[in-house]
N, C-alpha and C. Protein backbone atom coordinates (compact mmCIF):
# COMPACT_ATOMS: atom_id res chain seq x y z
N UNK A 1 11.28 4.26 2.42
CA UNK A 1 10.38 4.67 1.35
C UNK A 1 10.81 6.02 0.76
N UNK A 2 11.37 6.90 1.59
CA UNK A 2 11.83 8.19 1.08
C UNK A 2 12.97 7.99 0.08
N UNK A 3 13.87 7.05 0.38
CA UNK A 3 14.98 6.74 -0.53
C UNK A 3 14.43 6.29 -1.88
N UNK A 4 13.44 5.41 -1.86
CA UNK A 4 12.84 4.91 -3.10
C UNK A 4 12.21 6.06 -3.88
N UNK A 5 11.52 6.94 -3.19
CA UNK A 5 10.85 8.05 -3.86
C UNK A 5 11.86 9.02 -4.48
N UNK A 6 12.95 9.29 -3.76
CA UNK A 6 14.01 10.15 -4.31
C UNK A 6 14.60 9.53 -5.56
N UNK A 7 14.84 8.22 -5.54
CA UNK A 7 15.36 7.55 -6.73
C UNK A 7 14.36 7.61 -7.88
N UNK A 8 13.07 7.46 -7.58
CA UNK A 8 12.06 7.58 -8.62
C UNK A 8 12.09 8.98 -9.24
N UNK A 9 12.23 10.00 -8.42
CA UNK A 9 12.28 11.38 -8.92
C UNK A 9 13.51 11.58 -9.80
N UNK A 10 14.67 11.13 -9.33
CA UNK A 10 15.90 11.28 -10.11
C UNK A 10 15.81 10.53 -11.44
N UNK A 11 15.30 9.30 -11.39
CA UNK A 11 15.15 8.52 -12.62
C UNK A 11 14.17 9.21 -13.57
N UNK A 12 13.09 9.72 -13.02
CA UNK A 12 12.10 10.40 -13.85
C UNK A 12 12.65 11.65 -14.51
N UNK A 13 13.38 12.44 -13.77
CA UNK A 13 13.96 13.65 -14.35
C UNK A 13 14.96 13.31 -15.45
N UNK A 14 15.74 12.25 -15.23
CA UNK A 14 16.70 11.83 -16.26
C UNK A 14 15.97 11.32 -17.50
N UNK A 15 14.94 10.52 -17.29
CA UNK A 15 14.21 9.97 -18.44
C UNK A 15 13.44 11.05 -19.20
N UNK A 16 12.70 11.86 -18.48
CA UNK A 16 11.91 12.90 -19.14
C UNK A 16 12.83 13.94 -19.76
N UNK A 17 13.86 14.35 -19.01
CA UNK A 17 14.79 15.34 -19.54
C UNK A 17 15.52 14.83 -20.77
N UNK A 18 15.95 13.56 -20.73
CA UNK A 18 16.63 12.98 -21.89
C UNK A 18 15.72 12.88 -23.09
N UNK A 19 14.51 12.41 -22.87
CA UNK A 19 13.55 12.33 -23.96
C UNK A 19 13.22 13.70 -24.53
N UNK A 20 13.12 14.68 -23.65
CA UNK A 20 12.80 16.05 -24.07
C UNK A 20 13.93 16.63 -24.93
N UNK A 21 15.17 16.40 -24.53
CA UNK A 21 16.30 16.89 -25.32
C UNK A 21 16.33 16.26 -26.71
N UNK A 22 16.04 14.96 -26.77
CA UNK A 22 16.00 14.30 -28.07
C UNK A 22 14.81 14.83 -28.89
N UNK A 23 13.69 15.05 -28.26
CA UNK A 23 12.52 15.65 -28.93
C UNK A 23 12.90 17.00 -29.53
N UNK A 24 13.55 17.84 -28.73
CA UNK A 24 13.94 19.17 -29.23
C UNK A 24 14.92 19.07 -30.40
N UNK A 25 15.84 18.12 -30.33
CA UNK A 25 16.80 17.93 -31.40
C UNK A 25 16.11 17.49 -32.70
N UNK A 26 15.30 16.44 -32.61
CA UNK A 26 14.71 15.87 -33.81
C UNK A 26 13.48 16.60 -34.32
N UNK A 27 12.69 17.16 -33.43
CA UNK A 27 11.43 17.77 -33.86
C UNK A 27 11.48 19.29 -33.96
N UNK A 28 12.42 19.90 -33.25
CA UNK A 28 12.45 21.36 -33.25
C UNK A 28 13.77 21.92 -33.74
N UNK A 29 14.60 21.06 -34.33
CA UNK A 29 15.80 21.52 -35.00
C UNK A 29 16.94 22.01 -34.13
N UNK A 30 16.97 21.58 -32.89
CA UNK A 30 18.09 21.96 -32.03
C UNK A 30 19.36 21.24 -32.49
N UNK A 31 20.53 21.72 -32.09
CA UNK A 31 21.79 21.08 -32.52
C UNK A 31 21.87 19.62 -32.09
N UNK A 32 22.64 18.83 -32.85
CA UNK A 32 22.74 17.39 -32.61
C UNK A 32 23.23 17.05 -31.21
N UNK A 33 24.06 17.92 -30.62
CA UNK A 33 24.58 17.60 -29.29
C UNK A 33 23.48 17.60 -28.24
N UNK A 34 22.34 18.24 -28.52
CA UNK A 34 21.20 18.14 -27.61
C UNK A 34 20.74 16.68 -27.55
N UNK A 35 20.74 16.02 -28.71
CA UNK A 35 20.38 14.61 -28.76
C UNK A 35 21.38 13.74 -28.04
N UNK A 36 22.66 14.08 -28.15
CA UNK A 36 23.69 13.32 -27.43
C UNK A 36 23.49 13.46 -25.93
N UNK A 37 23.27 14.68 -25.46
CA UNK A 37 23.02 14.88 -24.02
C UNK A 37 21.75 14.16 -23.58
N UNK A 38 20.75 14.15 -24.47
CA UNK A 38 19.53 13.41 -24.17
C UNK A 38 19.80 11.92 -24.02
N UNK A 39 20.62 11.37 -24.91
CA UNK A 39 20.98 9.96 -24.81
C UNK A 39 21.74 9.64 -23.54
N UNK A 40 22.62 10.53 -23.15
CA UNK A 40 23.37 10.34 -21.90
C UNK A 40 22.41 10.36 -20.71
N UNK A 41 21.47 11.30 -20.72
CA UNK A 41 20.49 11.38 -19.63
C UNK A 41 19.64 10.11 -19.58
N UNK A 42 19.26 9.58 -20.74
CA UNK A 42 18.47 8.35 -20.75
C UNK A 42 19.27 7.17 -20.23
N UNK A 43 20.57 7.12 -20.53
CA UNK A 43 21.41 6.07 -19.98
C UNK A 43 21.51 6.21 -18.45
N UNK A 44 21.63 7.44 -17.96
CA UNK A 44 21.67 7.66 -16.52
C UNK A 44 20.37 7.22 -15.85
N UNK A 45 19.26 7.43 -16.52
CA UNK A 45 17.97 6.97 -16.00
C UNK A 45 18.01 5.46 -15.75
N UNK A 46 18.54 4.72 -16.71
CA UNK A 46 18.63 3.28 -16.56
C UNK A 46 19.51 2.86 -15.40
N UNK A 47 20.55 3.62 -15.16
CA UNK A 47 21.47 3.31 -14.05
C UNK A 47 20.83 3.66 -12.72
N UNK A 48 20.25 4.84 -12.61
CA UNK A 48 19.64 5.28 -11.34
C UNK A 48 18.58 4.29 -10.87
N UNK A 49 17.80 3.79 -11.80
CA UNK A 49 16.72 2.88 -11.42
C UNK A 49 17.24 1.59 -10.77
N UNK A 50 18.46 1.19 -11.08
CA UNK A 50 19.01 -0.05 -10.50
C UNK A 50 19.35 0.10 -9.02
N UNK A 51 19.39 1.31 -8.51
CA UNK A 51 19.71 1.52 -7.09
C UNK A 51 18.52 1.27 -6.17
N UNK A 52 17.36 0.99 -6.73
CA UNK A 52 16.21 0.68 -5.89
C UNK A 52 16.47 -0.59 -5.09
N UNK A 53 15.95 -0.64 -3.88
CA UNK A 53 16.20 -1.78 -3.01
C UNK A 53 15.13 -2.87 -3.13
N UNK A 54 14.10 -2.65 -3.91
CA UNK A 54 13.05 -3.65 -4.07
C UNK A 54 13.60 -4.85 -4.84
N UNK A 55 13.20 -6.06 -4.48
CA UNK A 55 13.77 -7.25 -5.11
C UNK A 55 13.21 -7.55 -6.51
N UNK A 56 12.08 -6.99 -6.86
CA UNK A 56 11.43 -7.34 -8.12
C UNK A 56 11.55 -6.21 -9.13
N UNK A 57 12.20 -6.50 -10.25
CA UNK A 57 12.35 -5.52 -11.33
C UNK A 57 10.98 -5.03 -11.82
N UNK A 58 10.09 -5.97 -12.07
CA UNK A 58 8.77 -5.61 -12.60
C UNK A 58 7.99 -4.71 -11.67
N UNK A 59 8.04 -5.00 -10.39
CA UNK A 59 7.30 -4.19 -9.41
C UNK A 59 7.89 -2.77 -9.33
N UNK A 60 9.22 -2.69 -9.35
CA UNK A 60 9.86 -1.37 -9.29
C UNK A 60 9.46 -0.54 -10.51
N UNK A 61 9.52 -1.14 -11.68
CA UNK A 61 9.21 -0.38 -12.88
C UNK A 61 7.73 -0.06 -13.00
N UNK A 62 6.87 -0.93 -12.50
CA UNK A 62 5.45 -0.63 -12.49
C UNK A 62 5.16 0.57 -11.59
N UNK A 63 5.76 0.58 -10.41
CA UNK A 63 5.57 1.71 -9.50
C UNK A 63 6.19 2.97 -10.08
N UNK A 64 7.37 2.83 -10.66
CA UNK A 64 8.02 3.99 -11.28
C UNK A 64 7.15 4.58 -12.38
N UNK A 65 6.44 3.73 -13.10
CA UNK A 65 5.57 4.22 -14.18
C UNK A 65 4.56 5.24 -13.69
N UNK A 66 3.99 5.01 -12.52
CA UNK A 66 3.05 5.98 -11.95
C UNK A 66 3.71 7.29 -11.60
N UNK A 67 4.90 7.21 -11.01
CA UNK A 67 5.65 8.42 -10.67
C UNK A 67 6.04 9.15 -11.96
N UNK A 68 6.44 8.41 -12.99
CA UNK A 68 6.80 9.00 -14.27
C UNK A 68 5.64 9.81 -14.85
N UNK A 69 4.44 9.27 -14.76
CA UNK A 69 3.27 9.97 -15.30
C UNK A 69 3.06 11.30 -14.57
N UNK A 70 3.14 11.29 -13.26
CA UNK A 70 2.98 12.53 -12.50
C UNK A 70 4.08 13.53 -12.86
N UNK A 71 5.32 13.06 -12.92
CA UNK A 71 6.42 13.95 -13.30
C UNK A 71 6.25 14.50 -14.71
N UNK A 72 5.71 13.70 -15.62
CA UNK A 72 5.49 14.16 -16.98
C UNK A 72 4.46 15.28 -17.03
N UNK A 73 3.41 15.14 -16.24
CA UNK A 73 2.40 16.21 -16.16
C UNK A 73 3.05 17.48 -15.62
N UNK A 74 3.85 17.33 -14.57
CA UNK A 74 4.52 18.50 -13.98
C UNK A 74 5.55 19.10 -14.94
N UNK A 75 6.27 18.26 -15.68
CA UNK A 75 7.24 18.74 -16.67
C UNK A 75 6.52 19.55 -17.75
N UNK A 76 5.42 19.01 -18.24
CA UNK A 76 4.65 19.74 -19.25
C UNK A 76 4.19 21.09 -18.76
N UNK A 77 3.84 21.15 -17.50
CA UNK A 77 3.37 22.40 -16.92
C UNK A 77 4.52 23.37 -16.70
N UNK A 78 5.60 22.88 -16.10
CA UNK A 78 6.70 23.78 -15.72
C UNK A 78 7.64 24.11 -16.85
N UNK A 79 7.94 23.16 -17.72
CA UNK A 79 8.94 23.37 -18.76
C UNK A 79 8.28 23.73 -20.09
N UNK A 80 7.24 22.98 -20.46
CA UNK A 80 6.58 23.20 -21.74
C UNK A 80 5.47 24.25 -21.66
N UNK A 81 5.16 24.69 -20.46
CA UNK A 81 4.15 25.72 -20.22
C UNK A 81 2.77 25.31 -20.71
N UNK A 82 2.43 24.02 -20.58
CA UNK A 82 1.10 23.50 -20.92
C UNK A 82 0.40 23.14 -19.61
N UNK A 83 -0.52 23.97 -19.19
CA UNK A 83 -1.19 23.75 -17.91
C UNK A 83 -2.03 22.48 -17.93
N UNK A 84 -1.87 21.63 -16.93
CA UNK A 84 -2.69 20.42 -16.85
C UNK A 84 -4.14 20.79 -16.56
N UNK A 85 -5.06 19.99 -17.09
CA UNK A 85 -6.47 20.22 -16.79
C UNK A 85 -6.92 19.22 -15.71
N UNK A 86 -8.19 19.26 -15.40
CA UNK A 86 -8.72 18.40 -14.35
C UNK A 86 -8.46 16.92 -14.64
N UNK A 87 -8.61 16.52 -15.88
CA UNK A 87 -8.40 15.12 -16.24
C UNK A 87 -6.95 14.70 -16.06
N UNK A 88 -6.02 15.61 -16.35
CA UNK A 88 -4.61 15.32 -16.11
C UNK A 88 -4.36 15.06 -14.63
N UNK A 89 -4.91 15.91 -13.78
CA UNK A 89 -4.71 15.77 -12.33
C UNK A 89 -5.38 14.51 -11.79
N UNK A 90 -6.60 14.24 -12.25
CA UNK A 90 -7.28 13.02 -11.80
C UNK A 90 -6.51 11.78 -12.24
N UNK A 91 -6.07 11.76 -13.48
CA UNK A 91 -5.29 10.62 -13.97
C UNK A 91 -4.00 10.44 -13.20
N UNK A 92 -3.30 11.55 -12.92
CA UNK A 92 -2.06 11.47 -12.15
C UNK A 92 -2.34 10.95 -10.73
N UNK A 93 -3.43 11.39 -10.14
CA UNK A 93 -3.80 10.91 -8.80
C UNK A 93 -4.10 9.42 -8.79
N UNK A 94 -4.80 8.96 -9.80
CA UNK A 94 -5.09 7.52 -9.91
C UNK A 94 -3.78 6.74 -10.01
N UNK A 95 -2.83 7.27 -10.78
CA UNK A 95 -1.54 6.60 -10.92
C UNK A 95 -0.80 6.51 -9.59
N UNK A 96 -0.86 7.58 -8.79
CA UNK A 96 -0.20 7.54 -7.49
C UNK A 96 -0.86 6.54 -6.55
N UNK A 97 -2.16 6.38 -6.66
CA UNK A 97 -2.84 5.34 -5.87
C UNK A 97 -2.31 3.98 -6.30
N UNK A 98 -2.14 3.79 -7.59
CA UNK A 98 -1.57 2.54 -8.10
C UNK A 98 -0.17 2.29 -7.57
N UNK A 99 0.64 3.34 -7.51
CA UNK A 99 2.00 3.21 -6.96
C UNK A 99 1.93 2.74 -5.51
N UNK A 100 1.04 3.36 -4.73
CA UNK A 100 0.91 2.97 -3.32
C UNK A 100 0.49 1.52 -3.18
N UNK A 101 -0.41 1.06 -4.04
CA UNK A 101 -0.85 -0.32 -3.98
C UNK A 101 0.29 -1.27 -4.34
N UNK A 102 1.02 -0.94 -5.40
CA UNK A 102 2.12 -1.81 -5.85
C UNK A 102 3.22 -1.89 -4.79
N UNK A 103 3.51 -0.78 -4.14
CA UNK A 103 4.62 -0.75 -3.17
C UNK A 103 4.19 -1.10 -1.76
N UNK A 104 2.92 -1.43 -1.55
CA UNK A 104 2.44 -1.77 -0.21
C UNK A 104 3.20 -2.99 0.31
N UNK A 105 3.52 -2.99 1.61
CA UNK A 105 4.23 -4.14 2.19
C UNK A 105 3.42 -5.43 2.02
N UNK A 106 4.14 -6.49 1.77
CA UNK A 106 3.53 -7.81 1.63
C UNK A 106 4.11 -8.75 2.67
N UNK A 107 3.37 -9.80 2.97
CA UNK A 107 3.87 -10.77 3.94
C UNK A 107 4.57 -11.89 3.25
């Protein structure tokens, strides 16, 4: 499970970081190569996610979605300097509960 979580974190950082670089390029006038690096990061996100050992694509991506939401809240706080409020934290917690349910062992 630790391996899966590390892969979720790496995929999330690549996806959020890539999207953020493209955001900065297109919305805040950063140089075009920021967008290129963002695209590369997004491609790496797609590759990293394939290293998951779960047999179901849909289940992996559903669980990853919850981790992505939590990472996005943390990214906004740490990088964008937008402090999360109570609703952000409650929503992120609900998402993590969903991740635990989706990844729970099945018979």
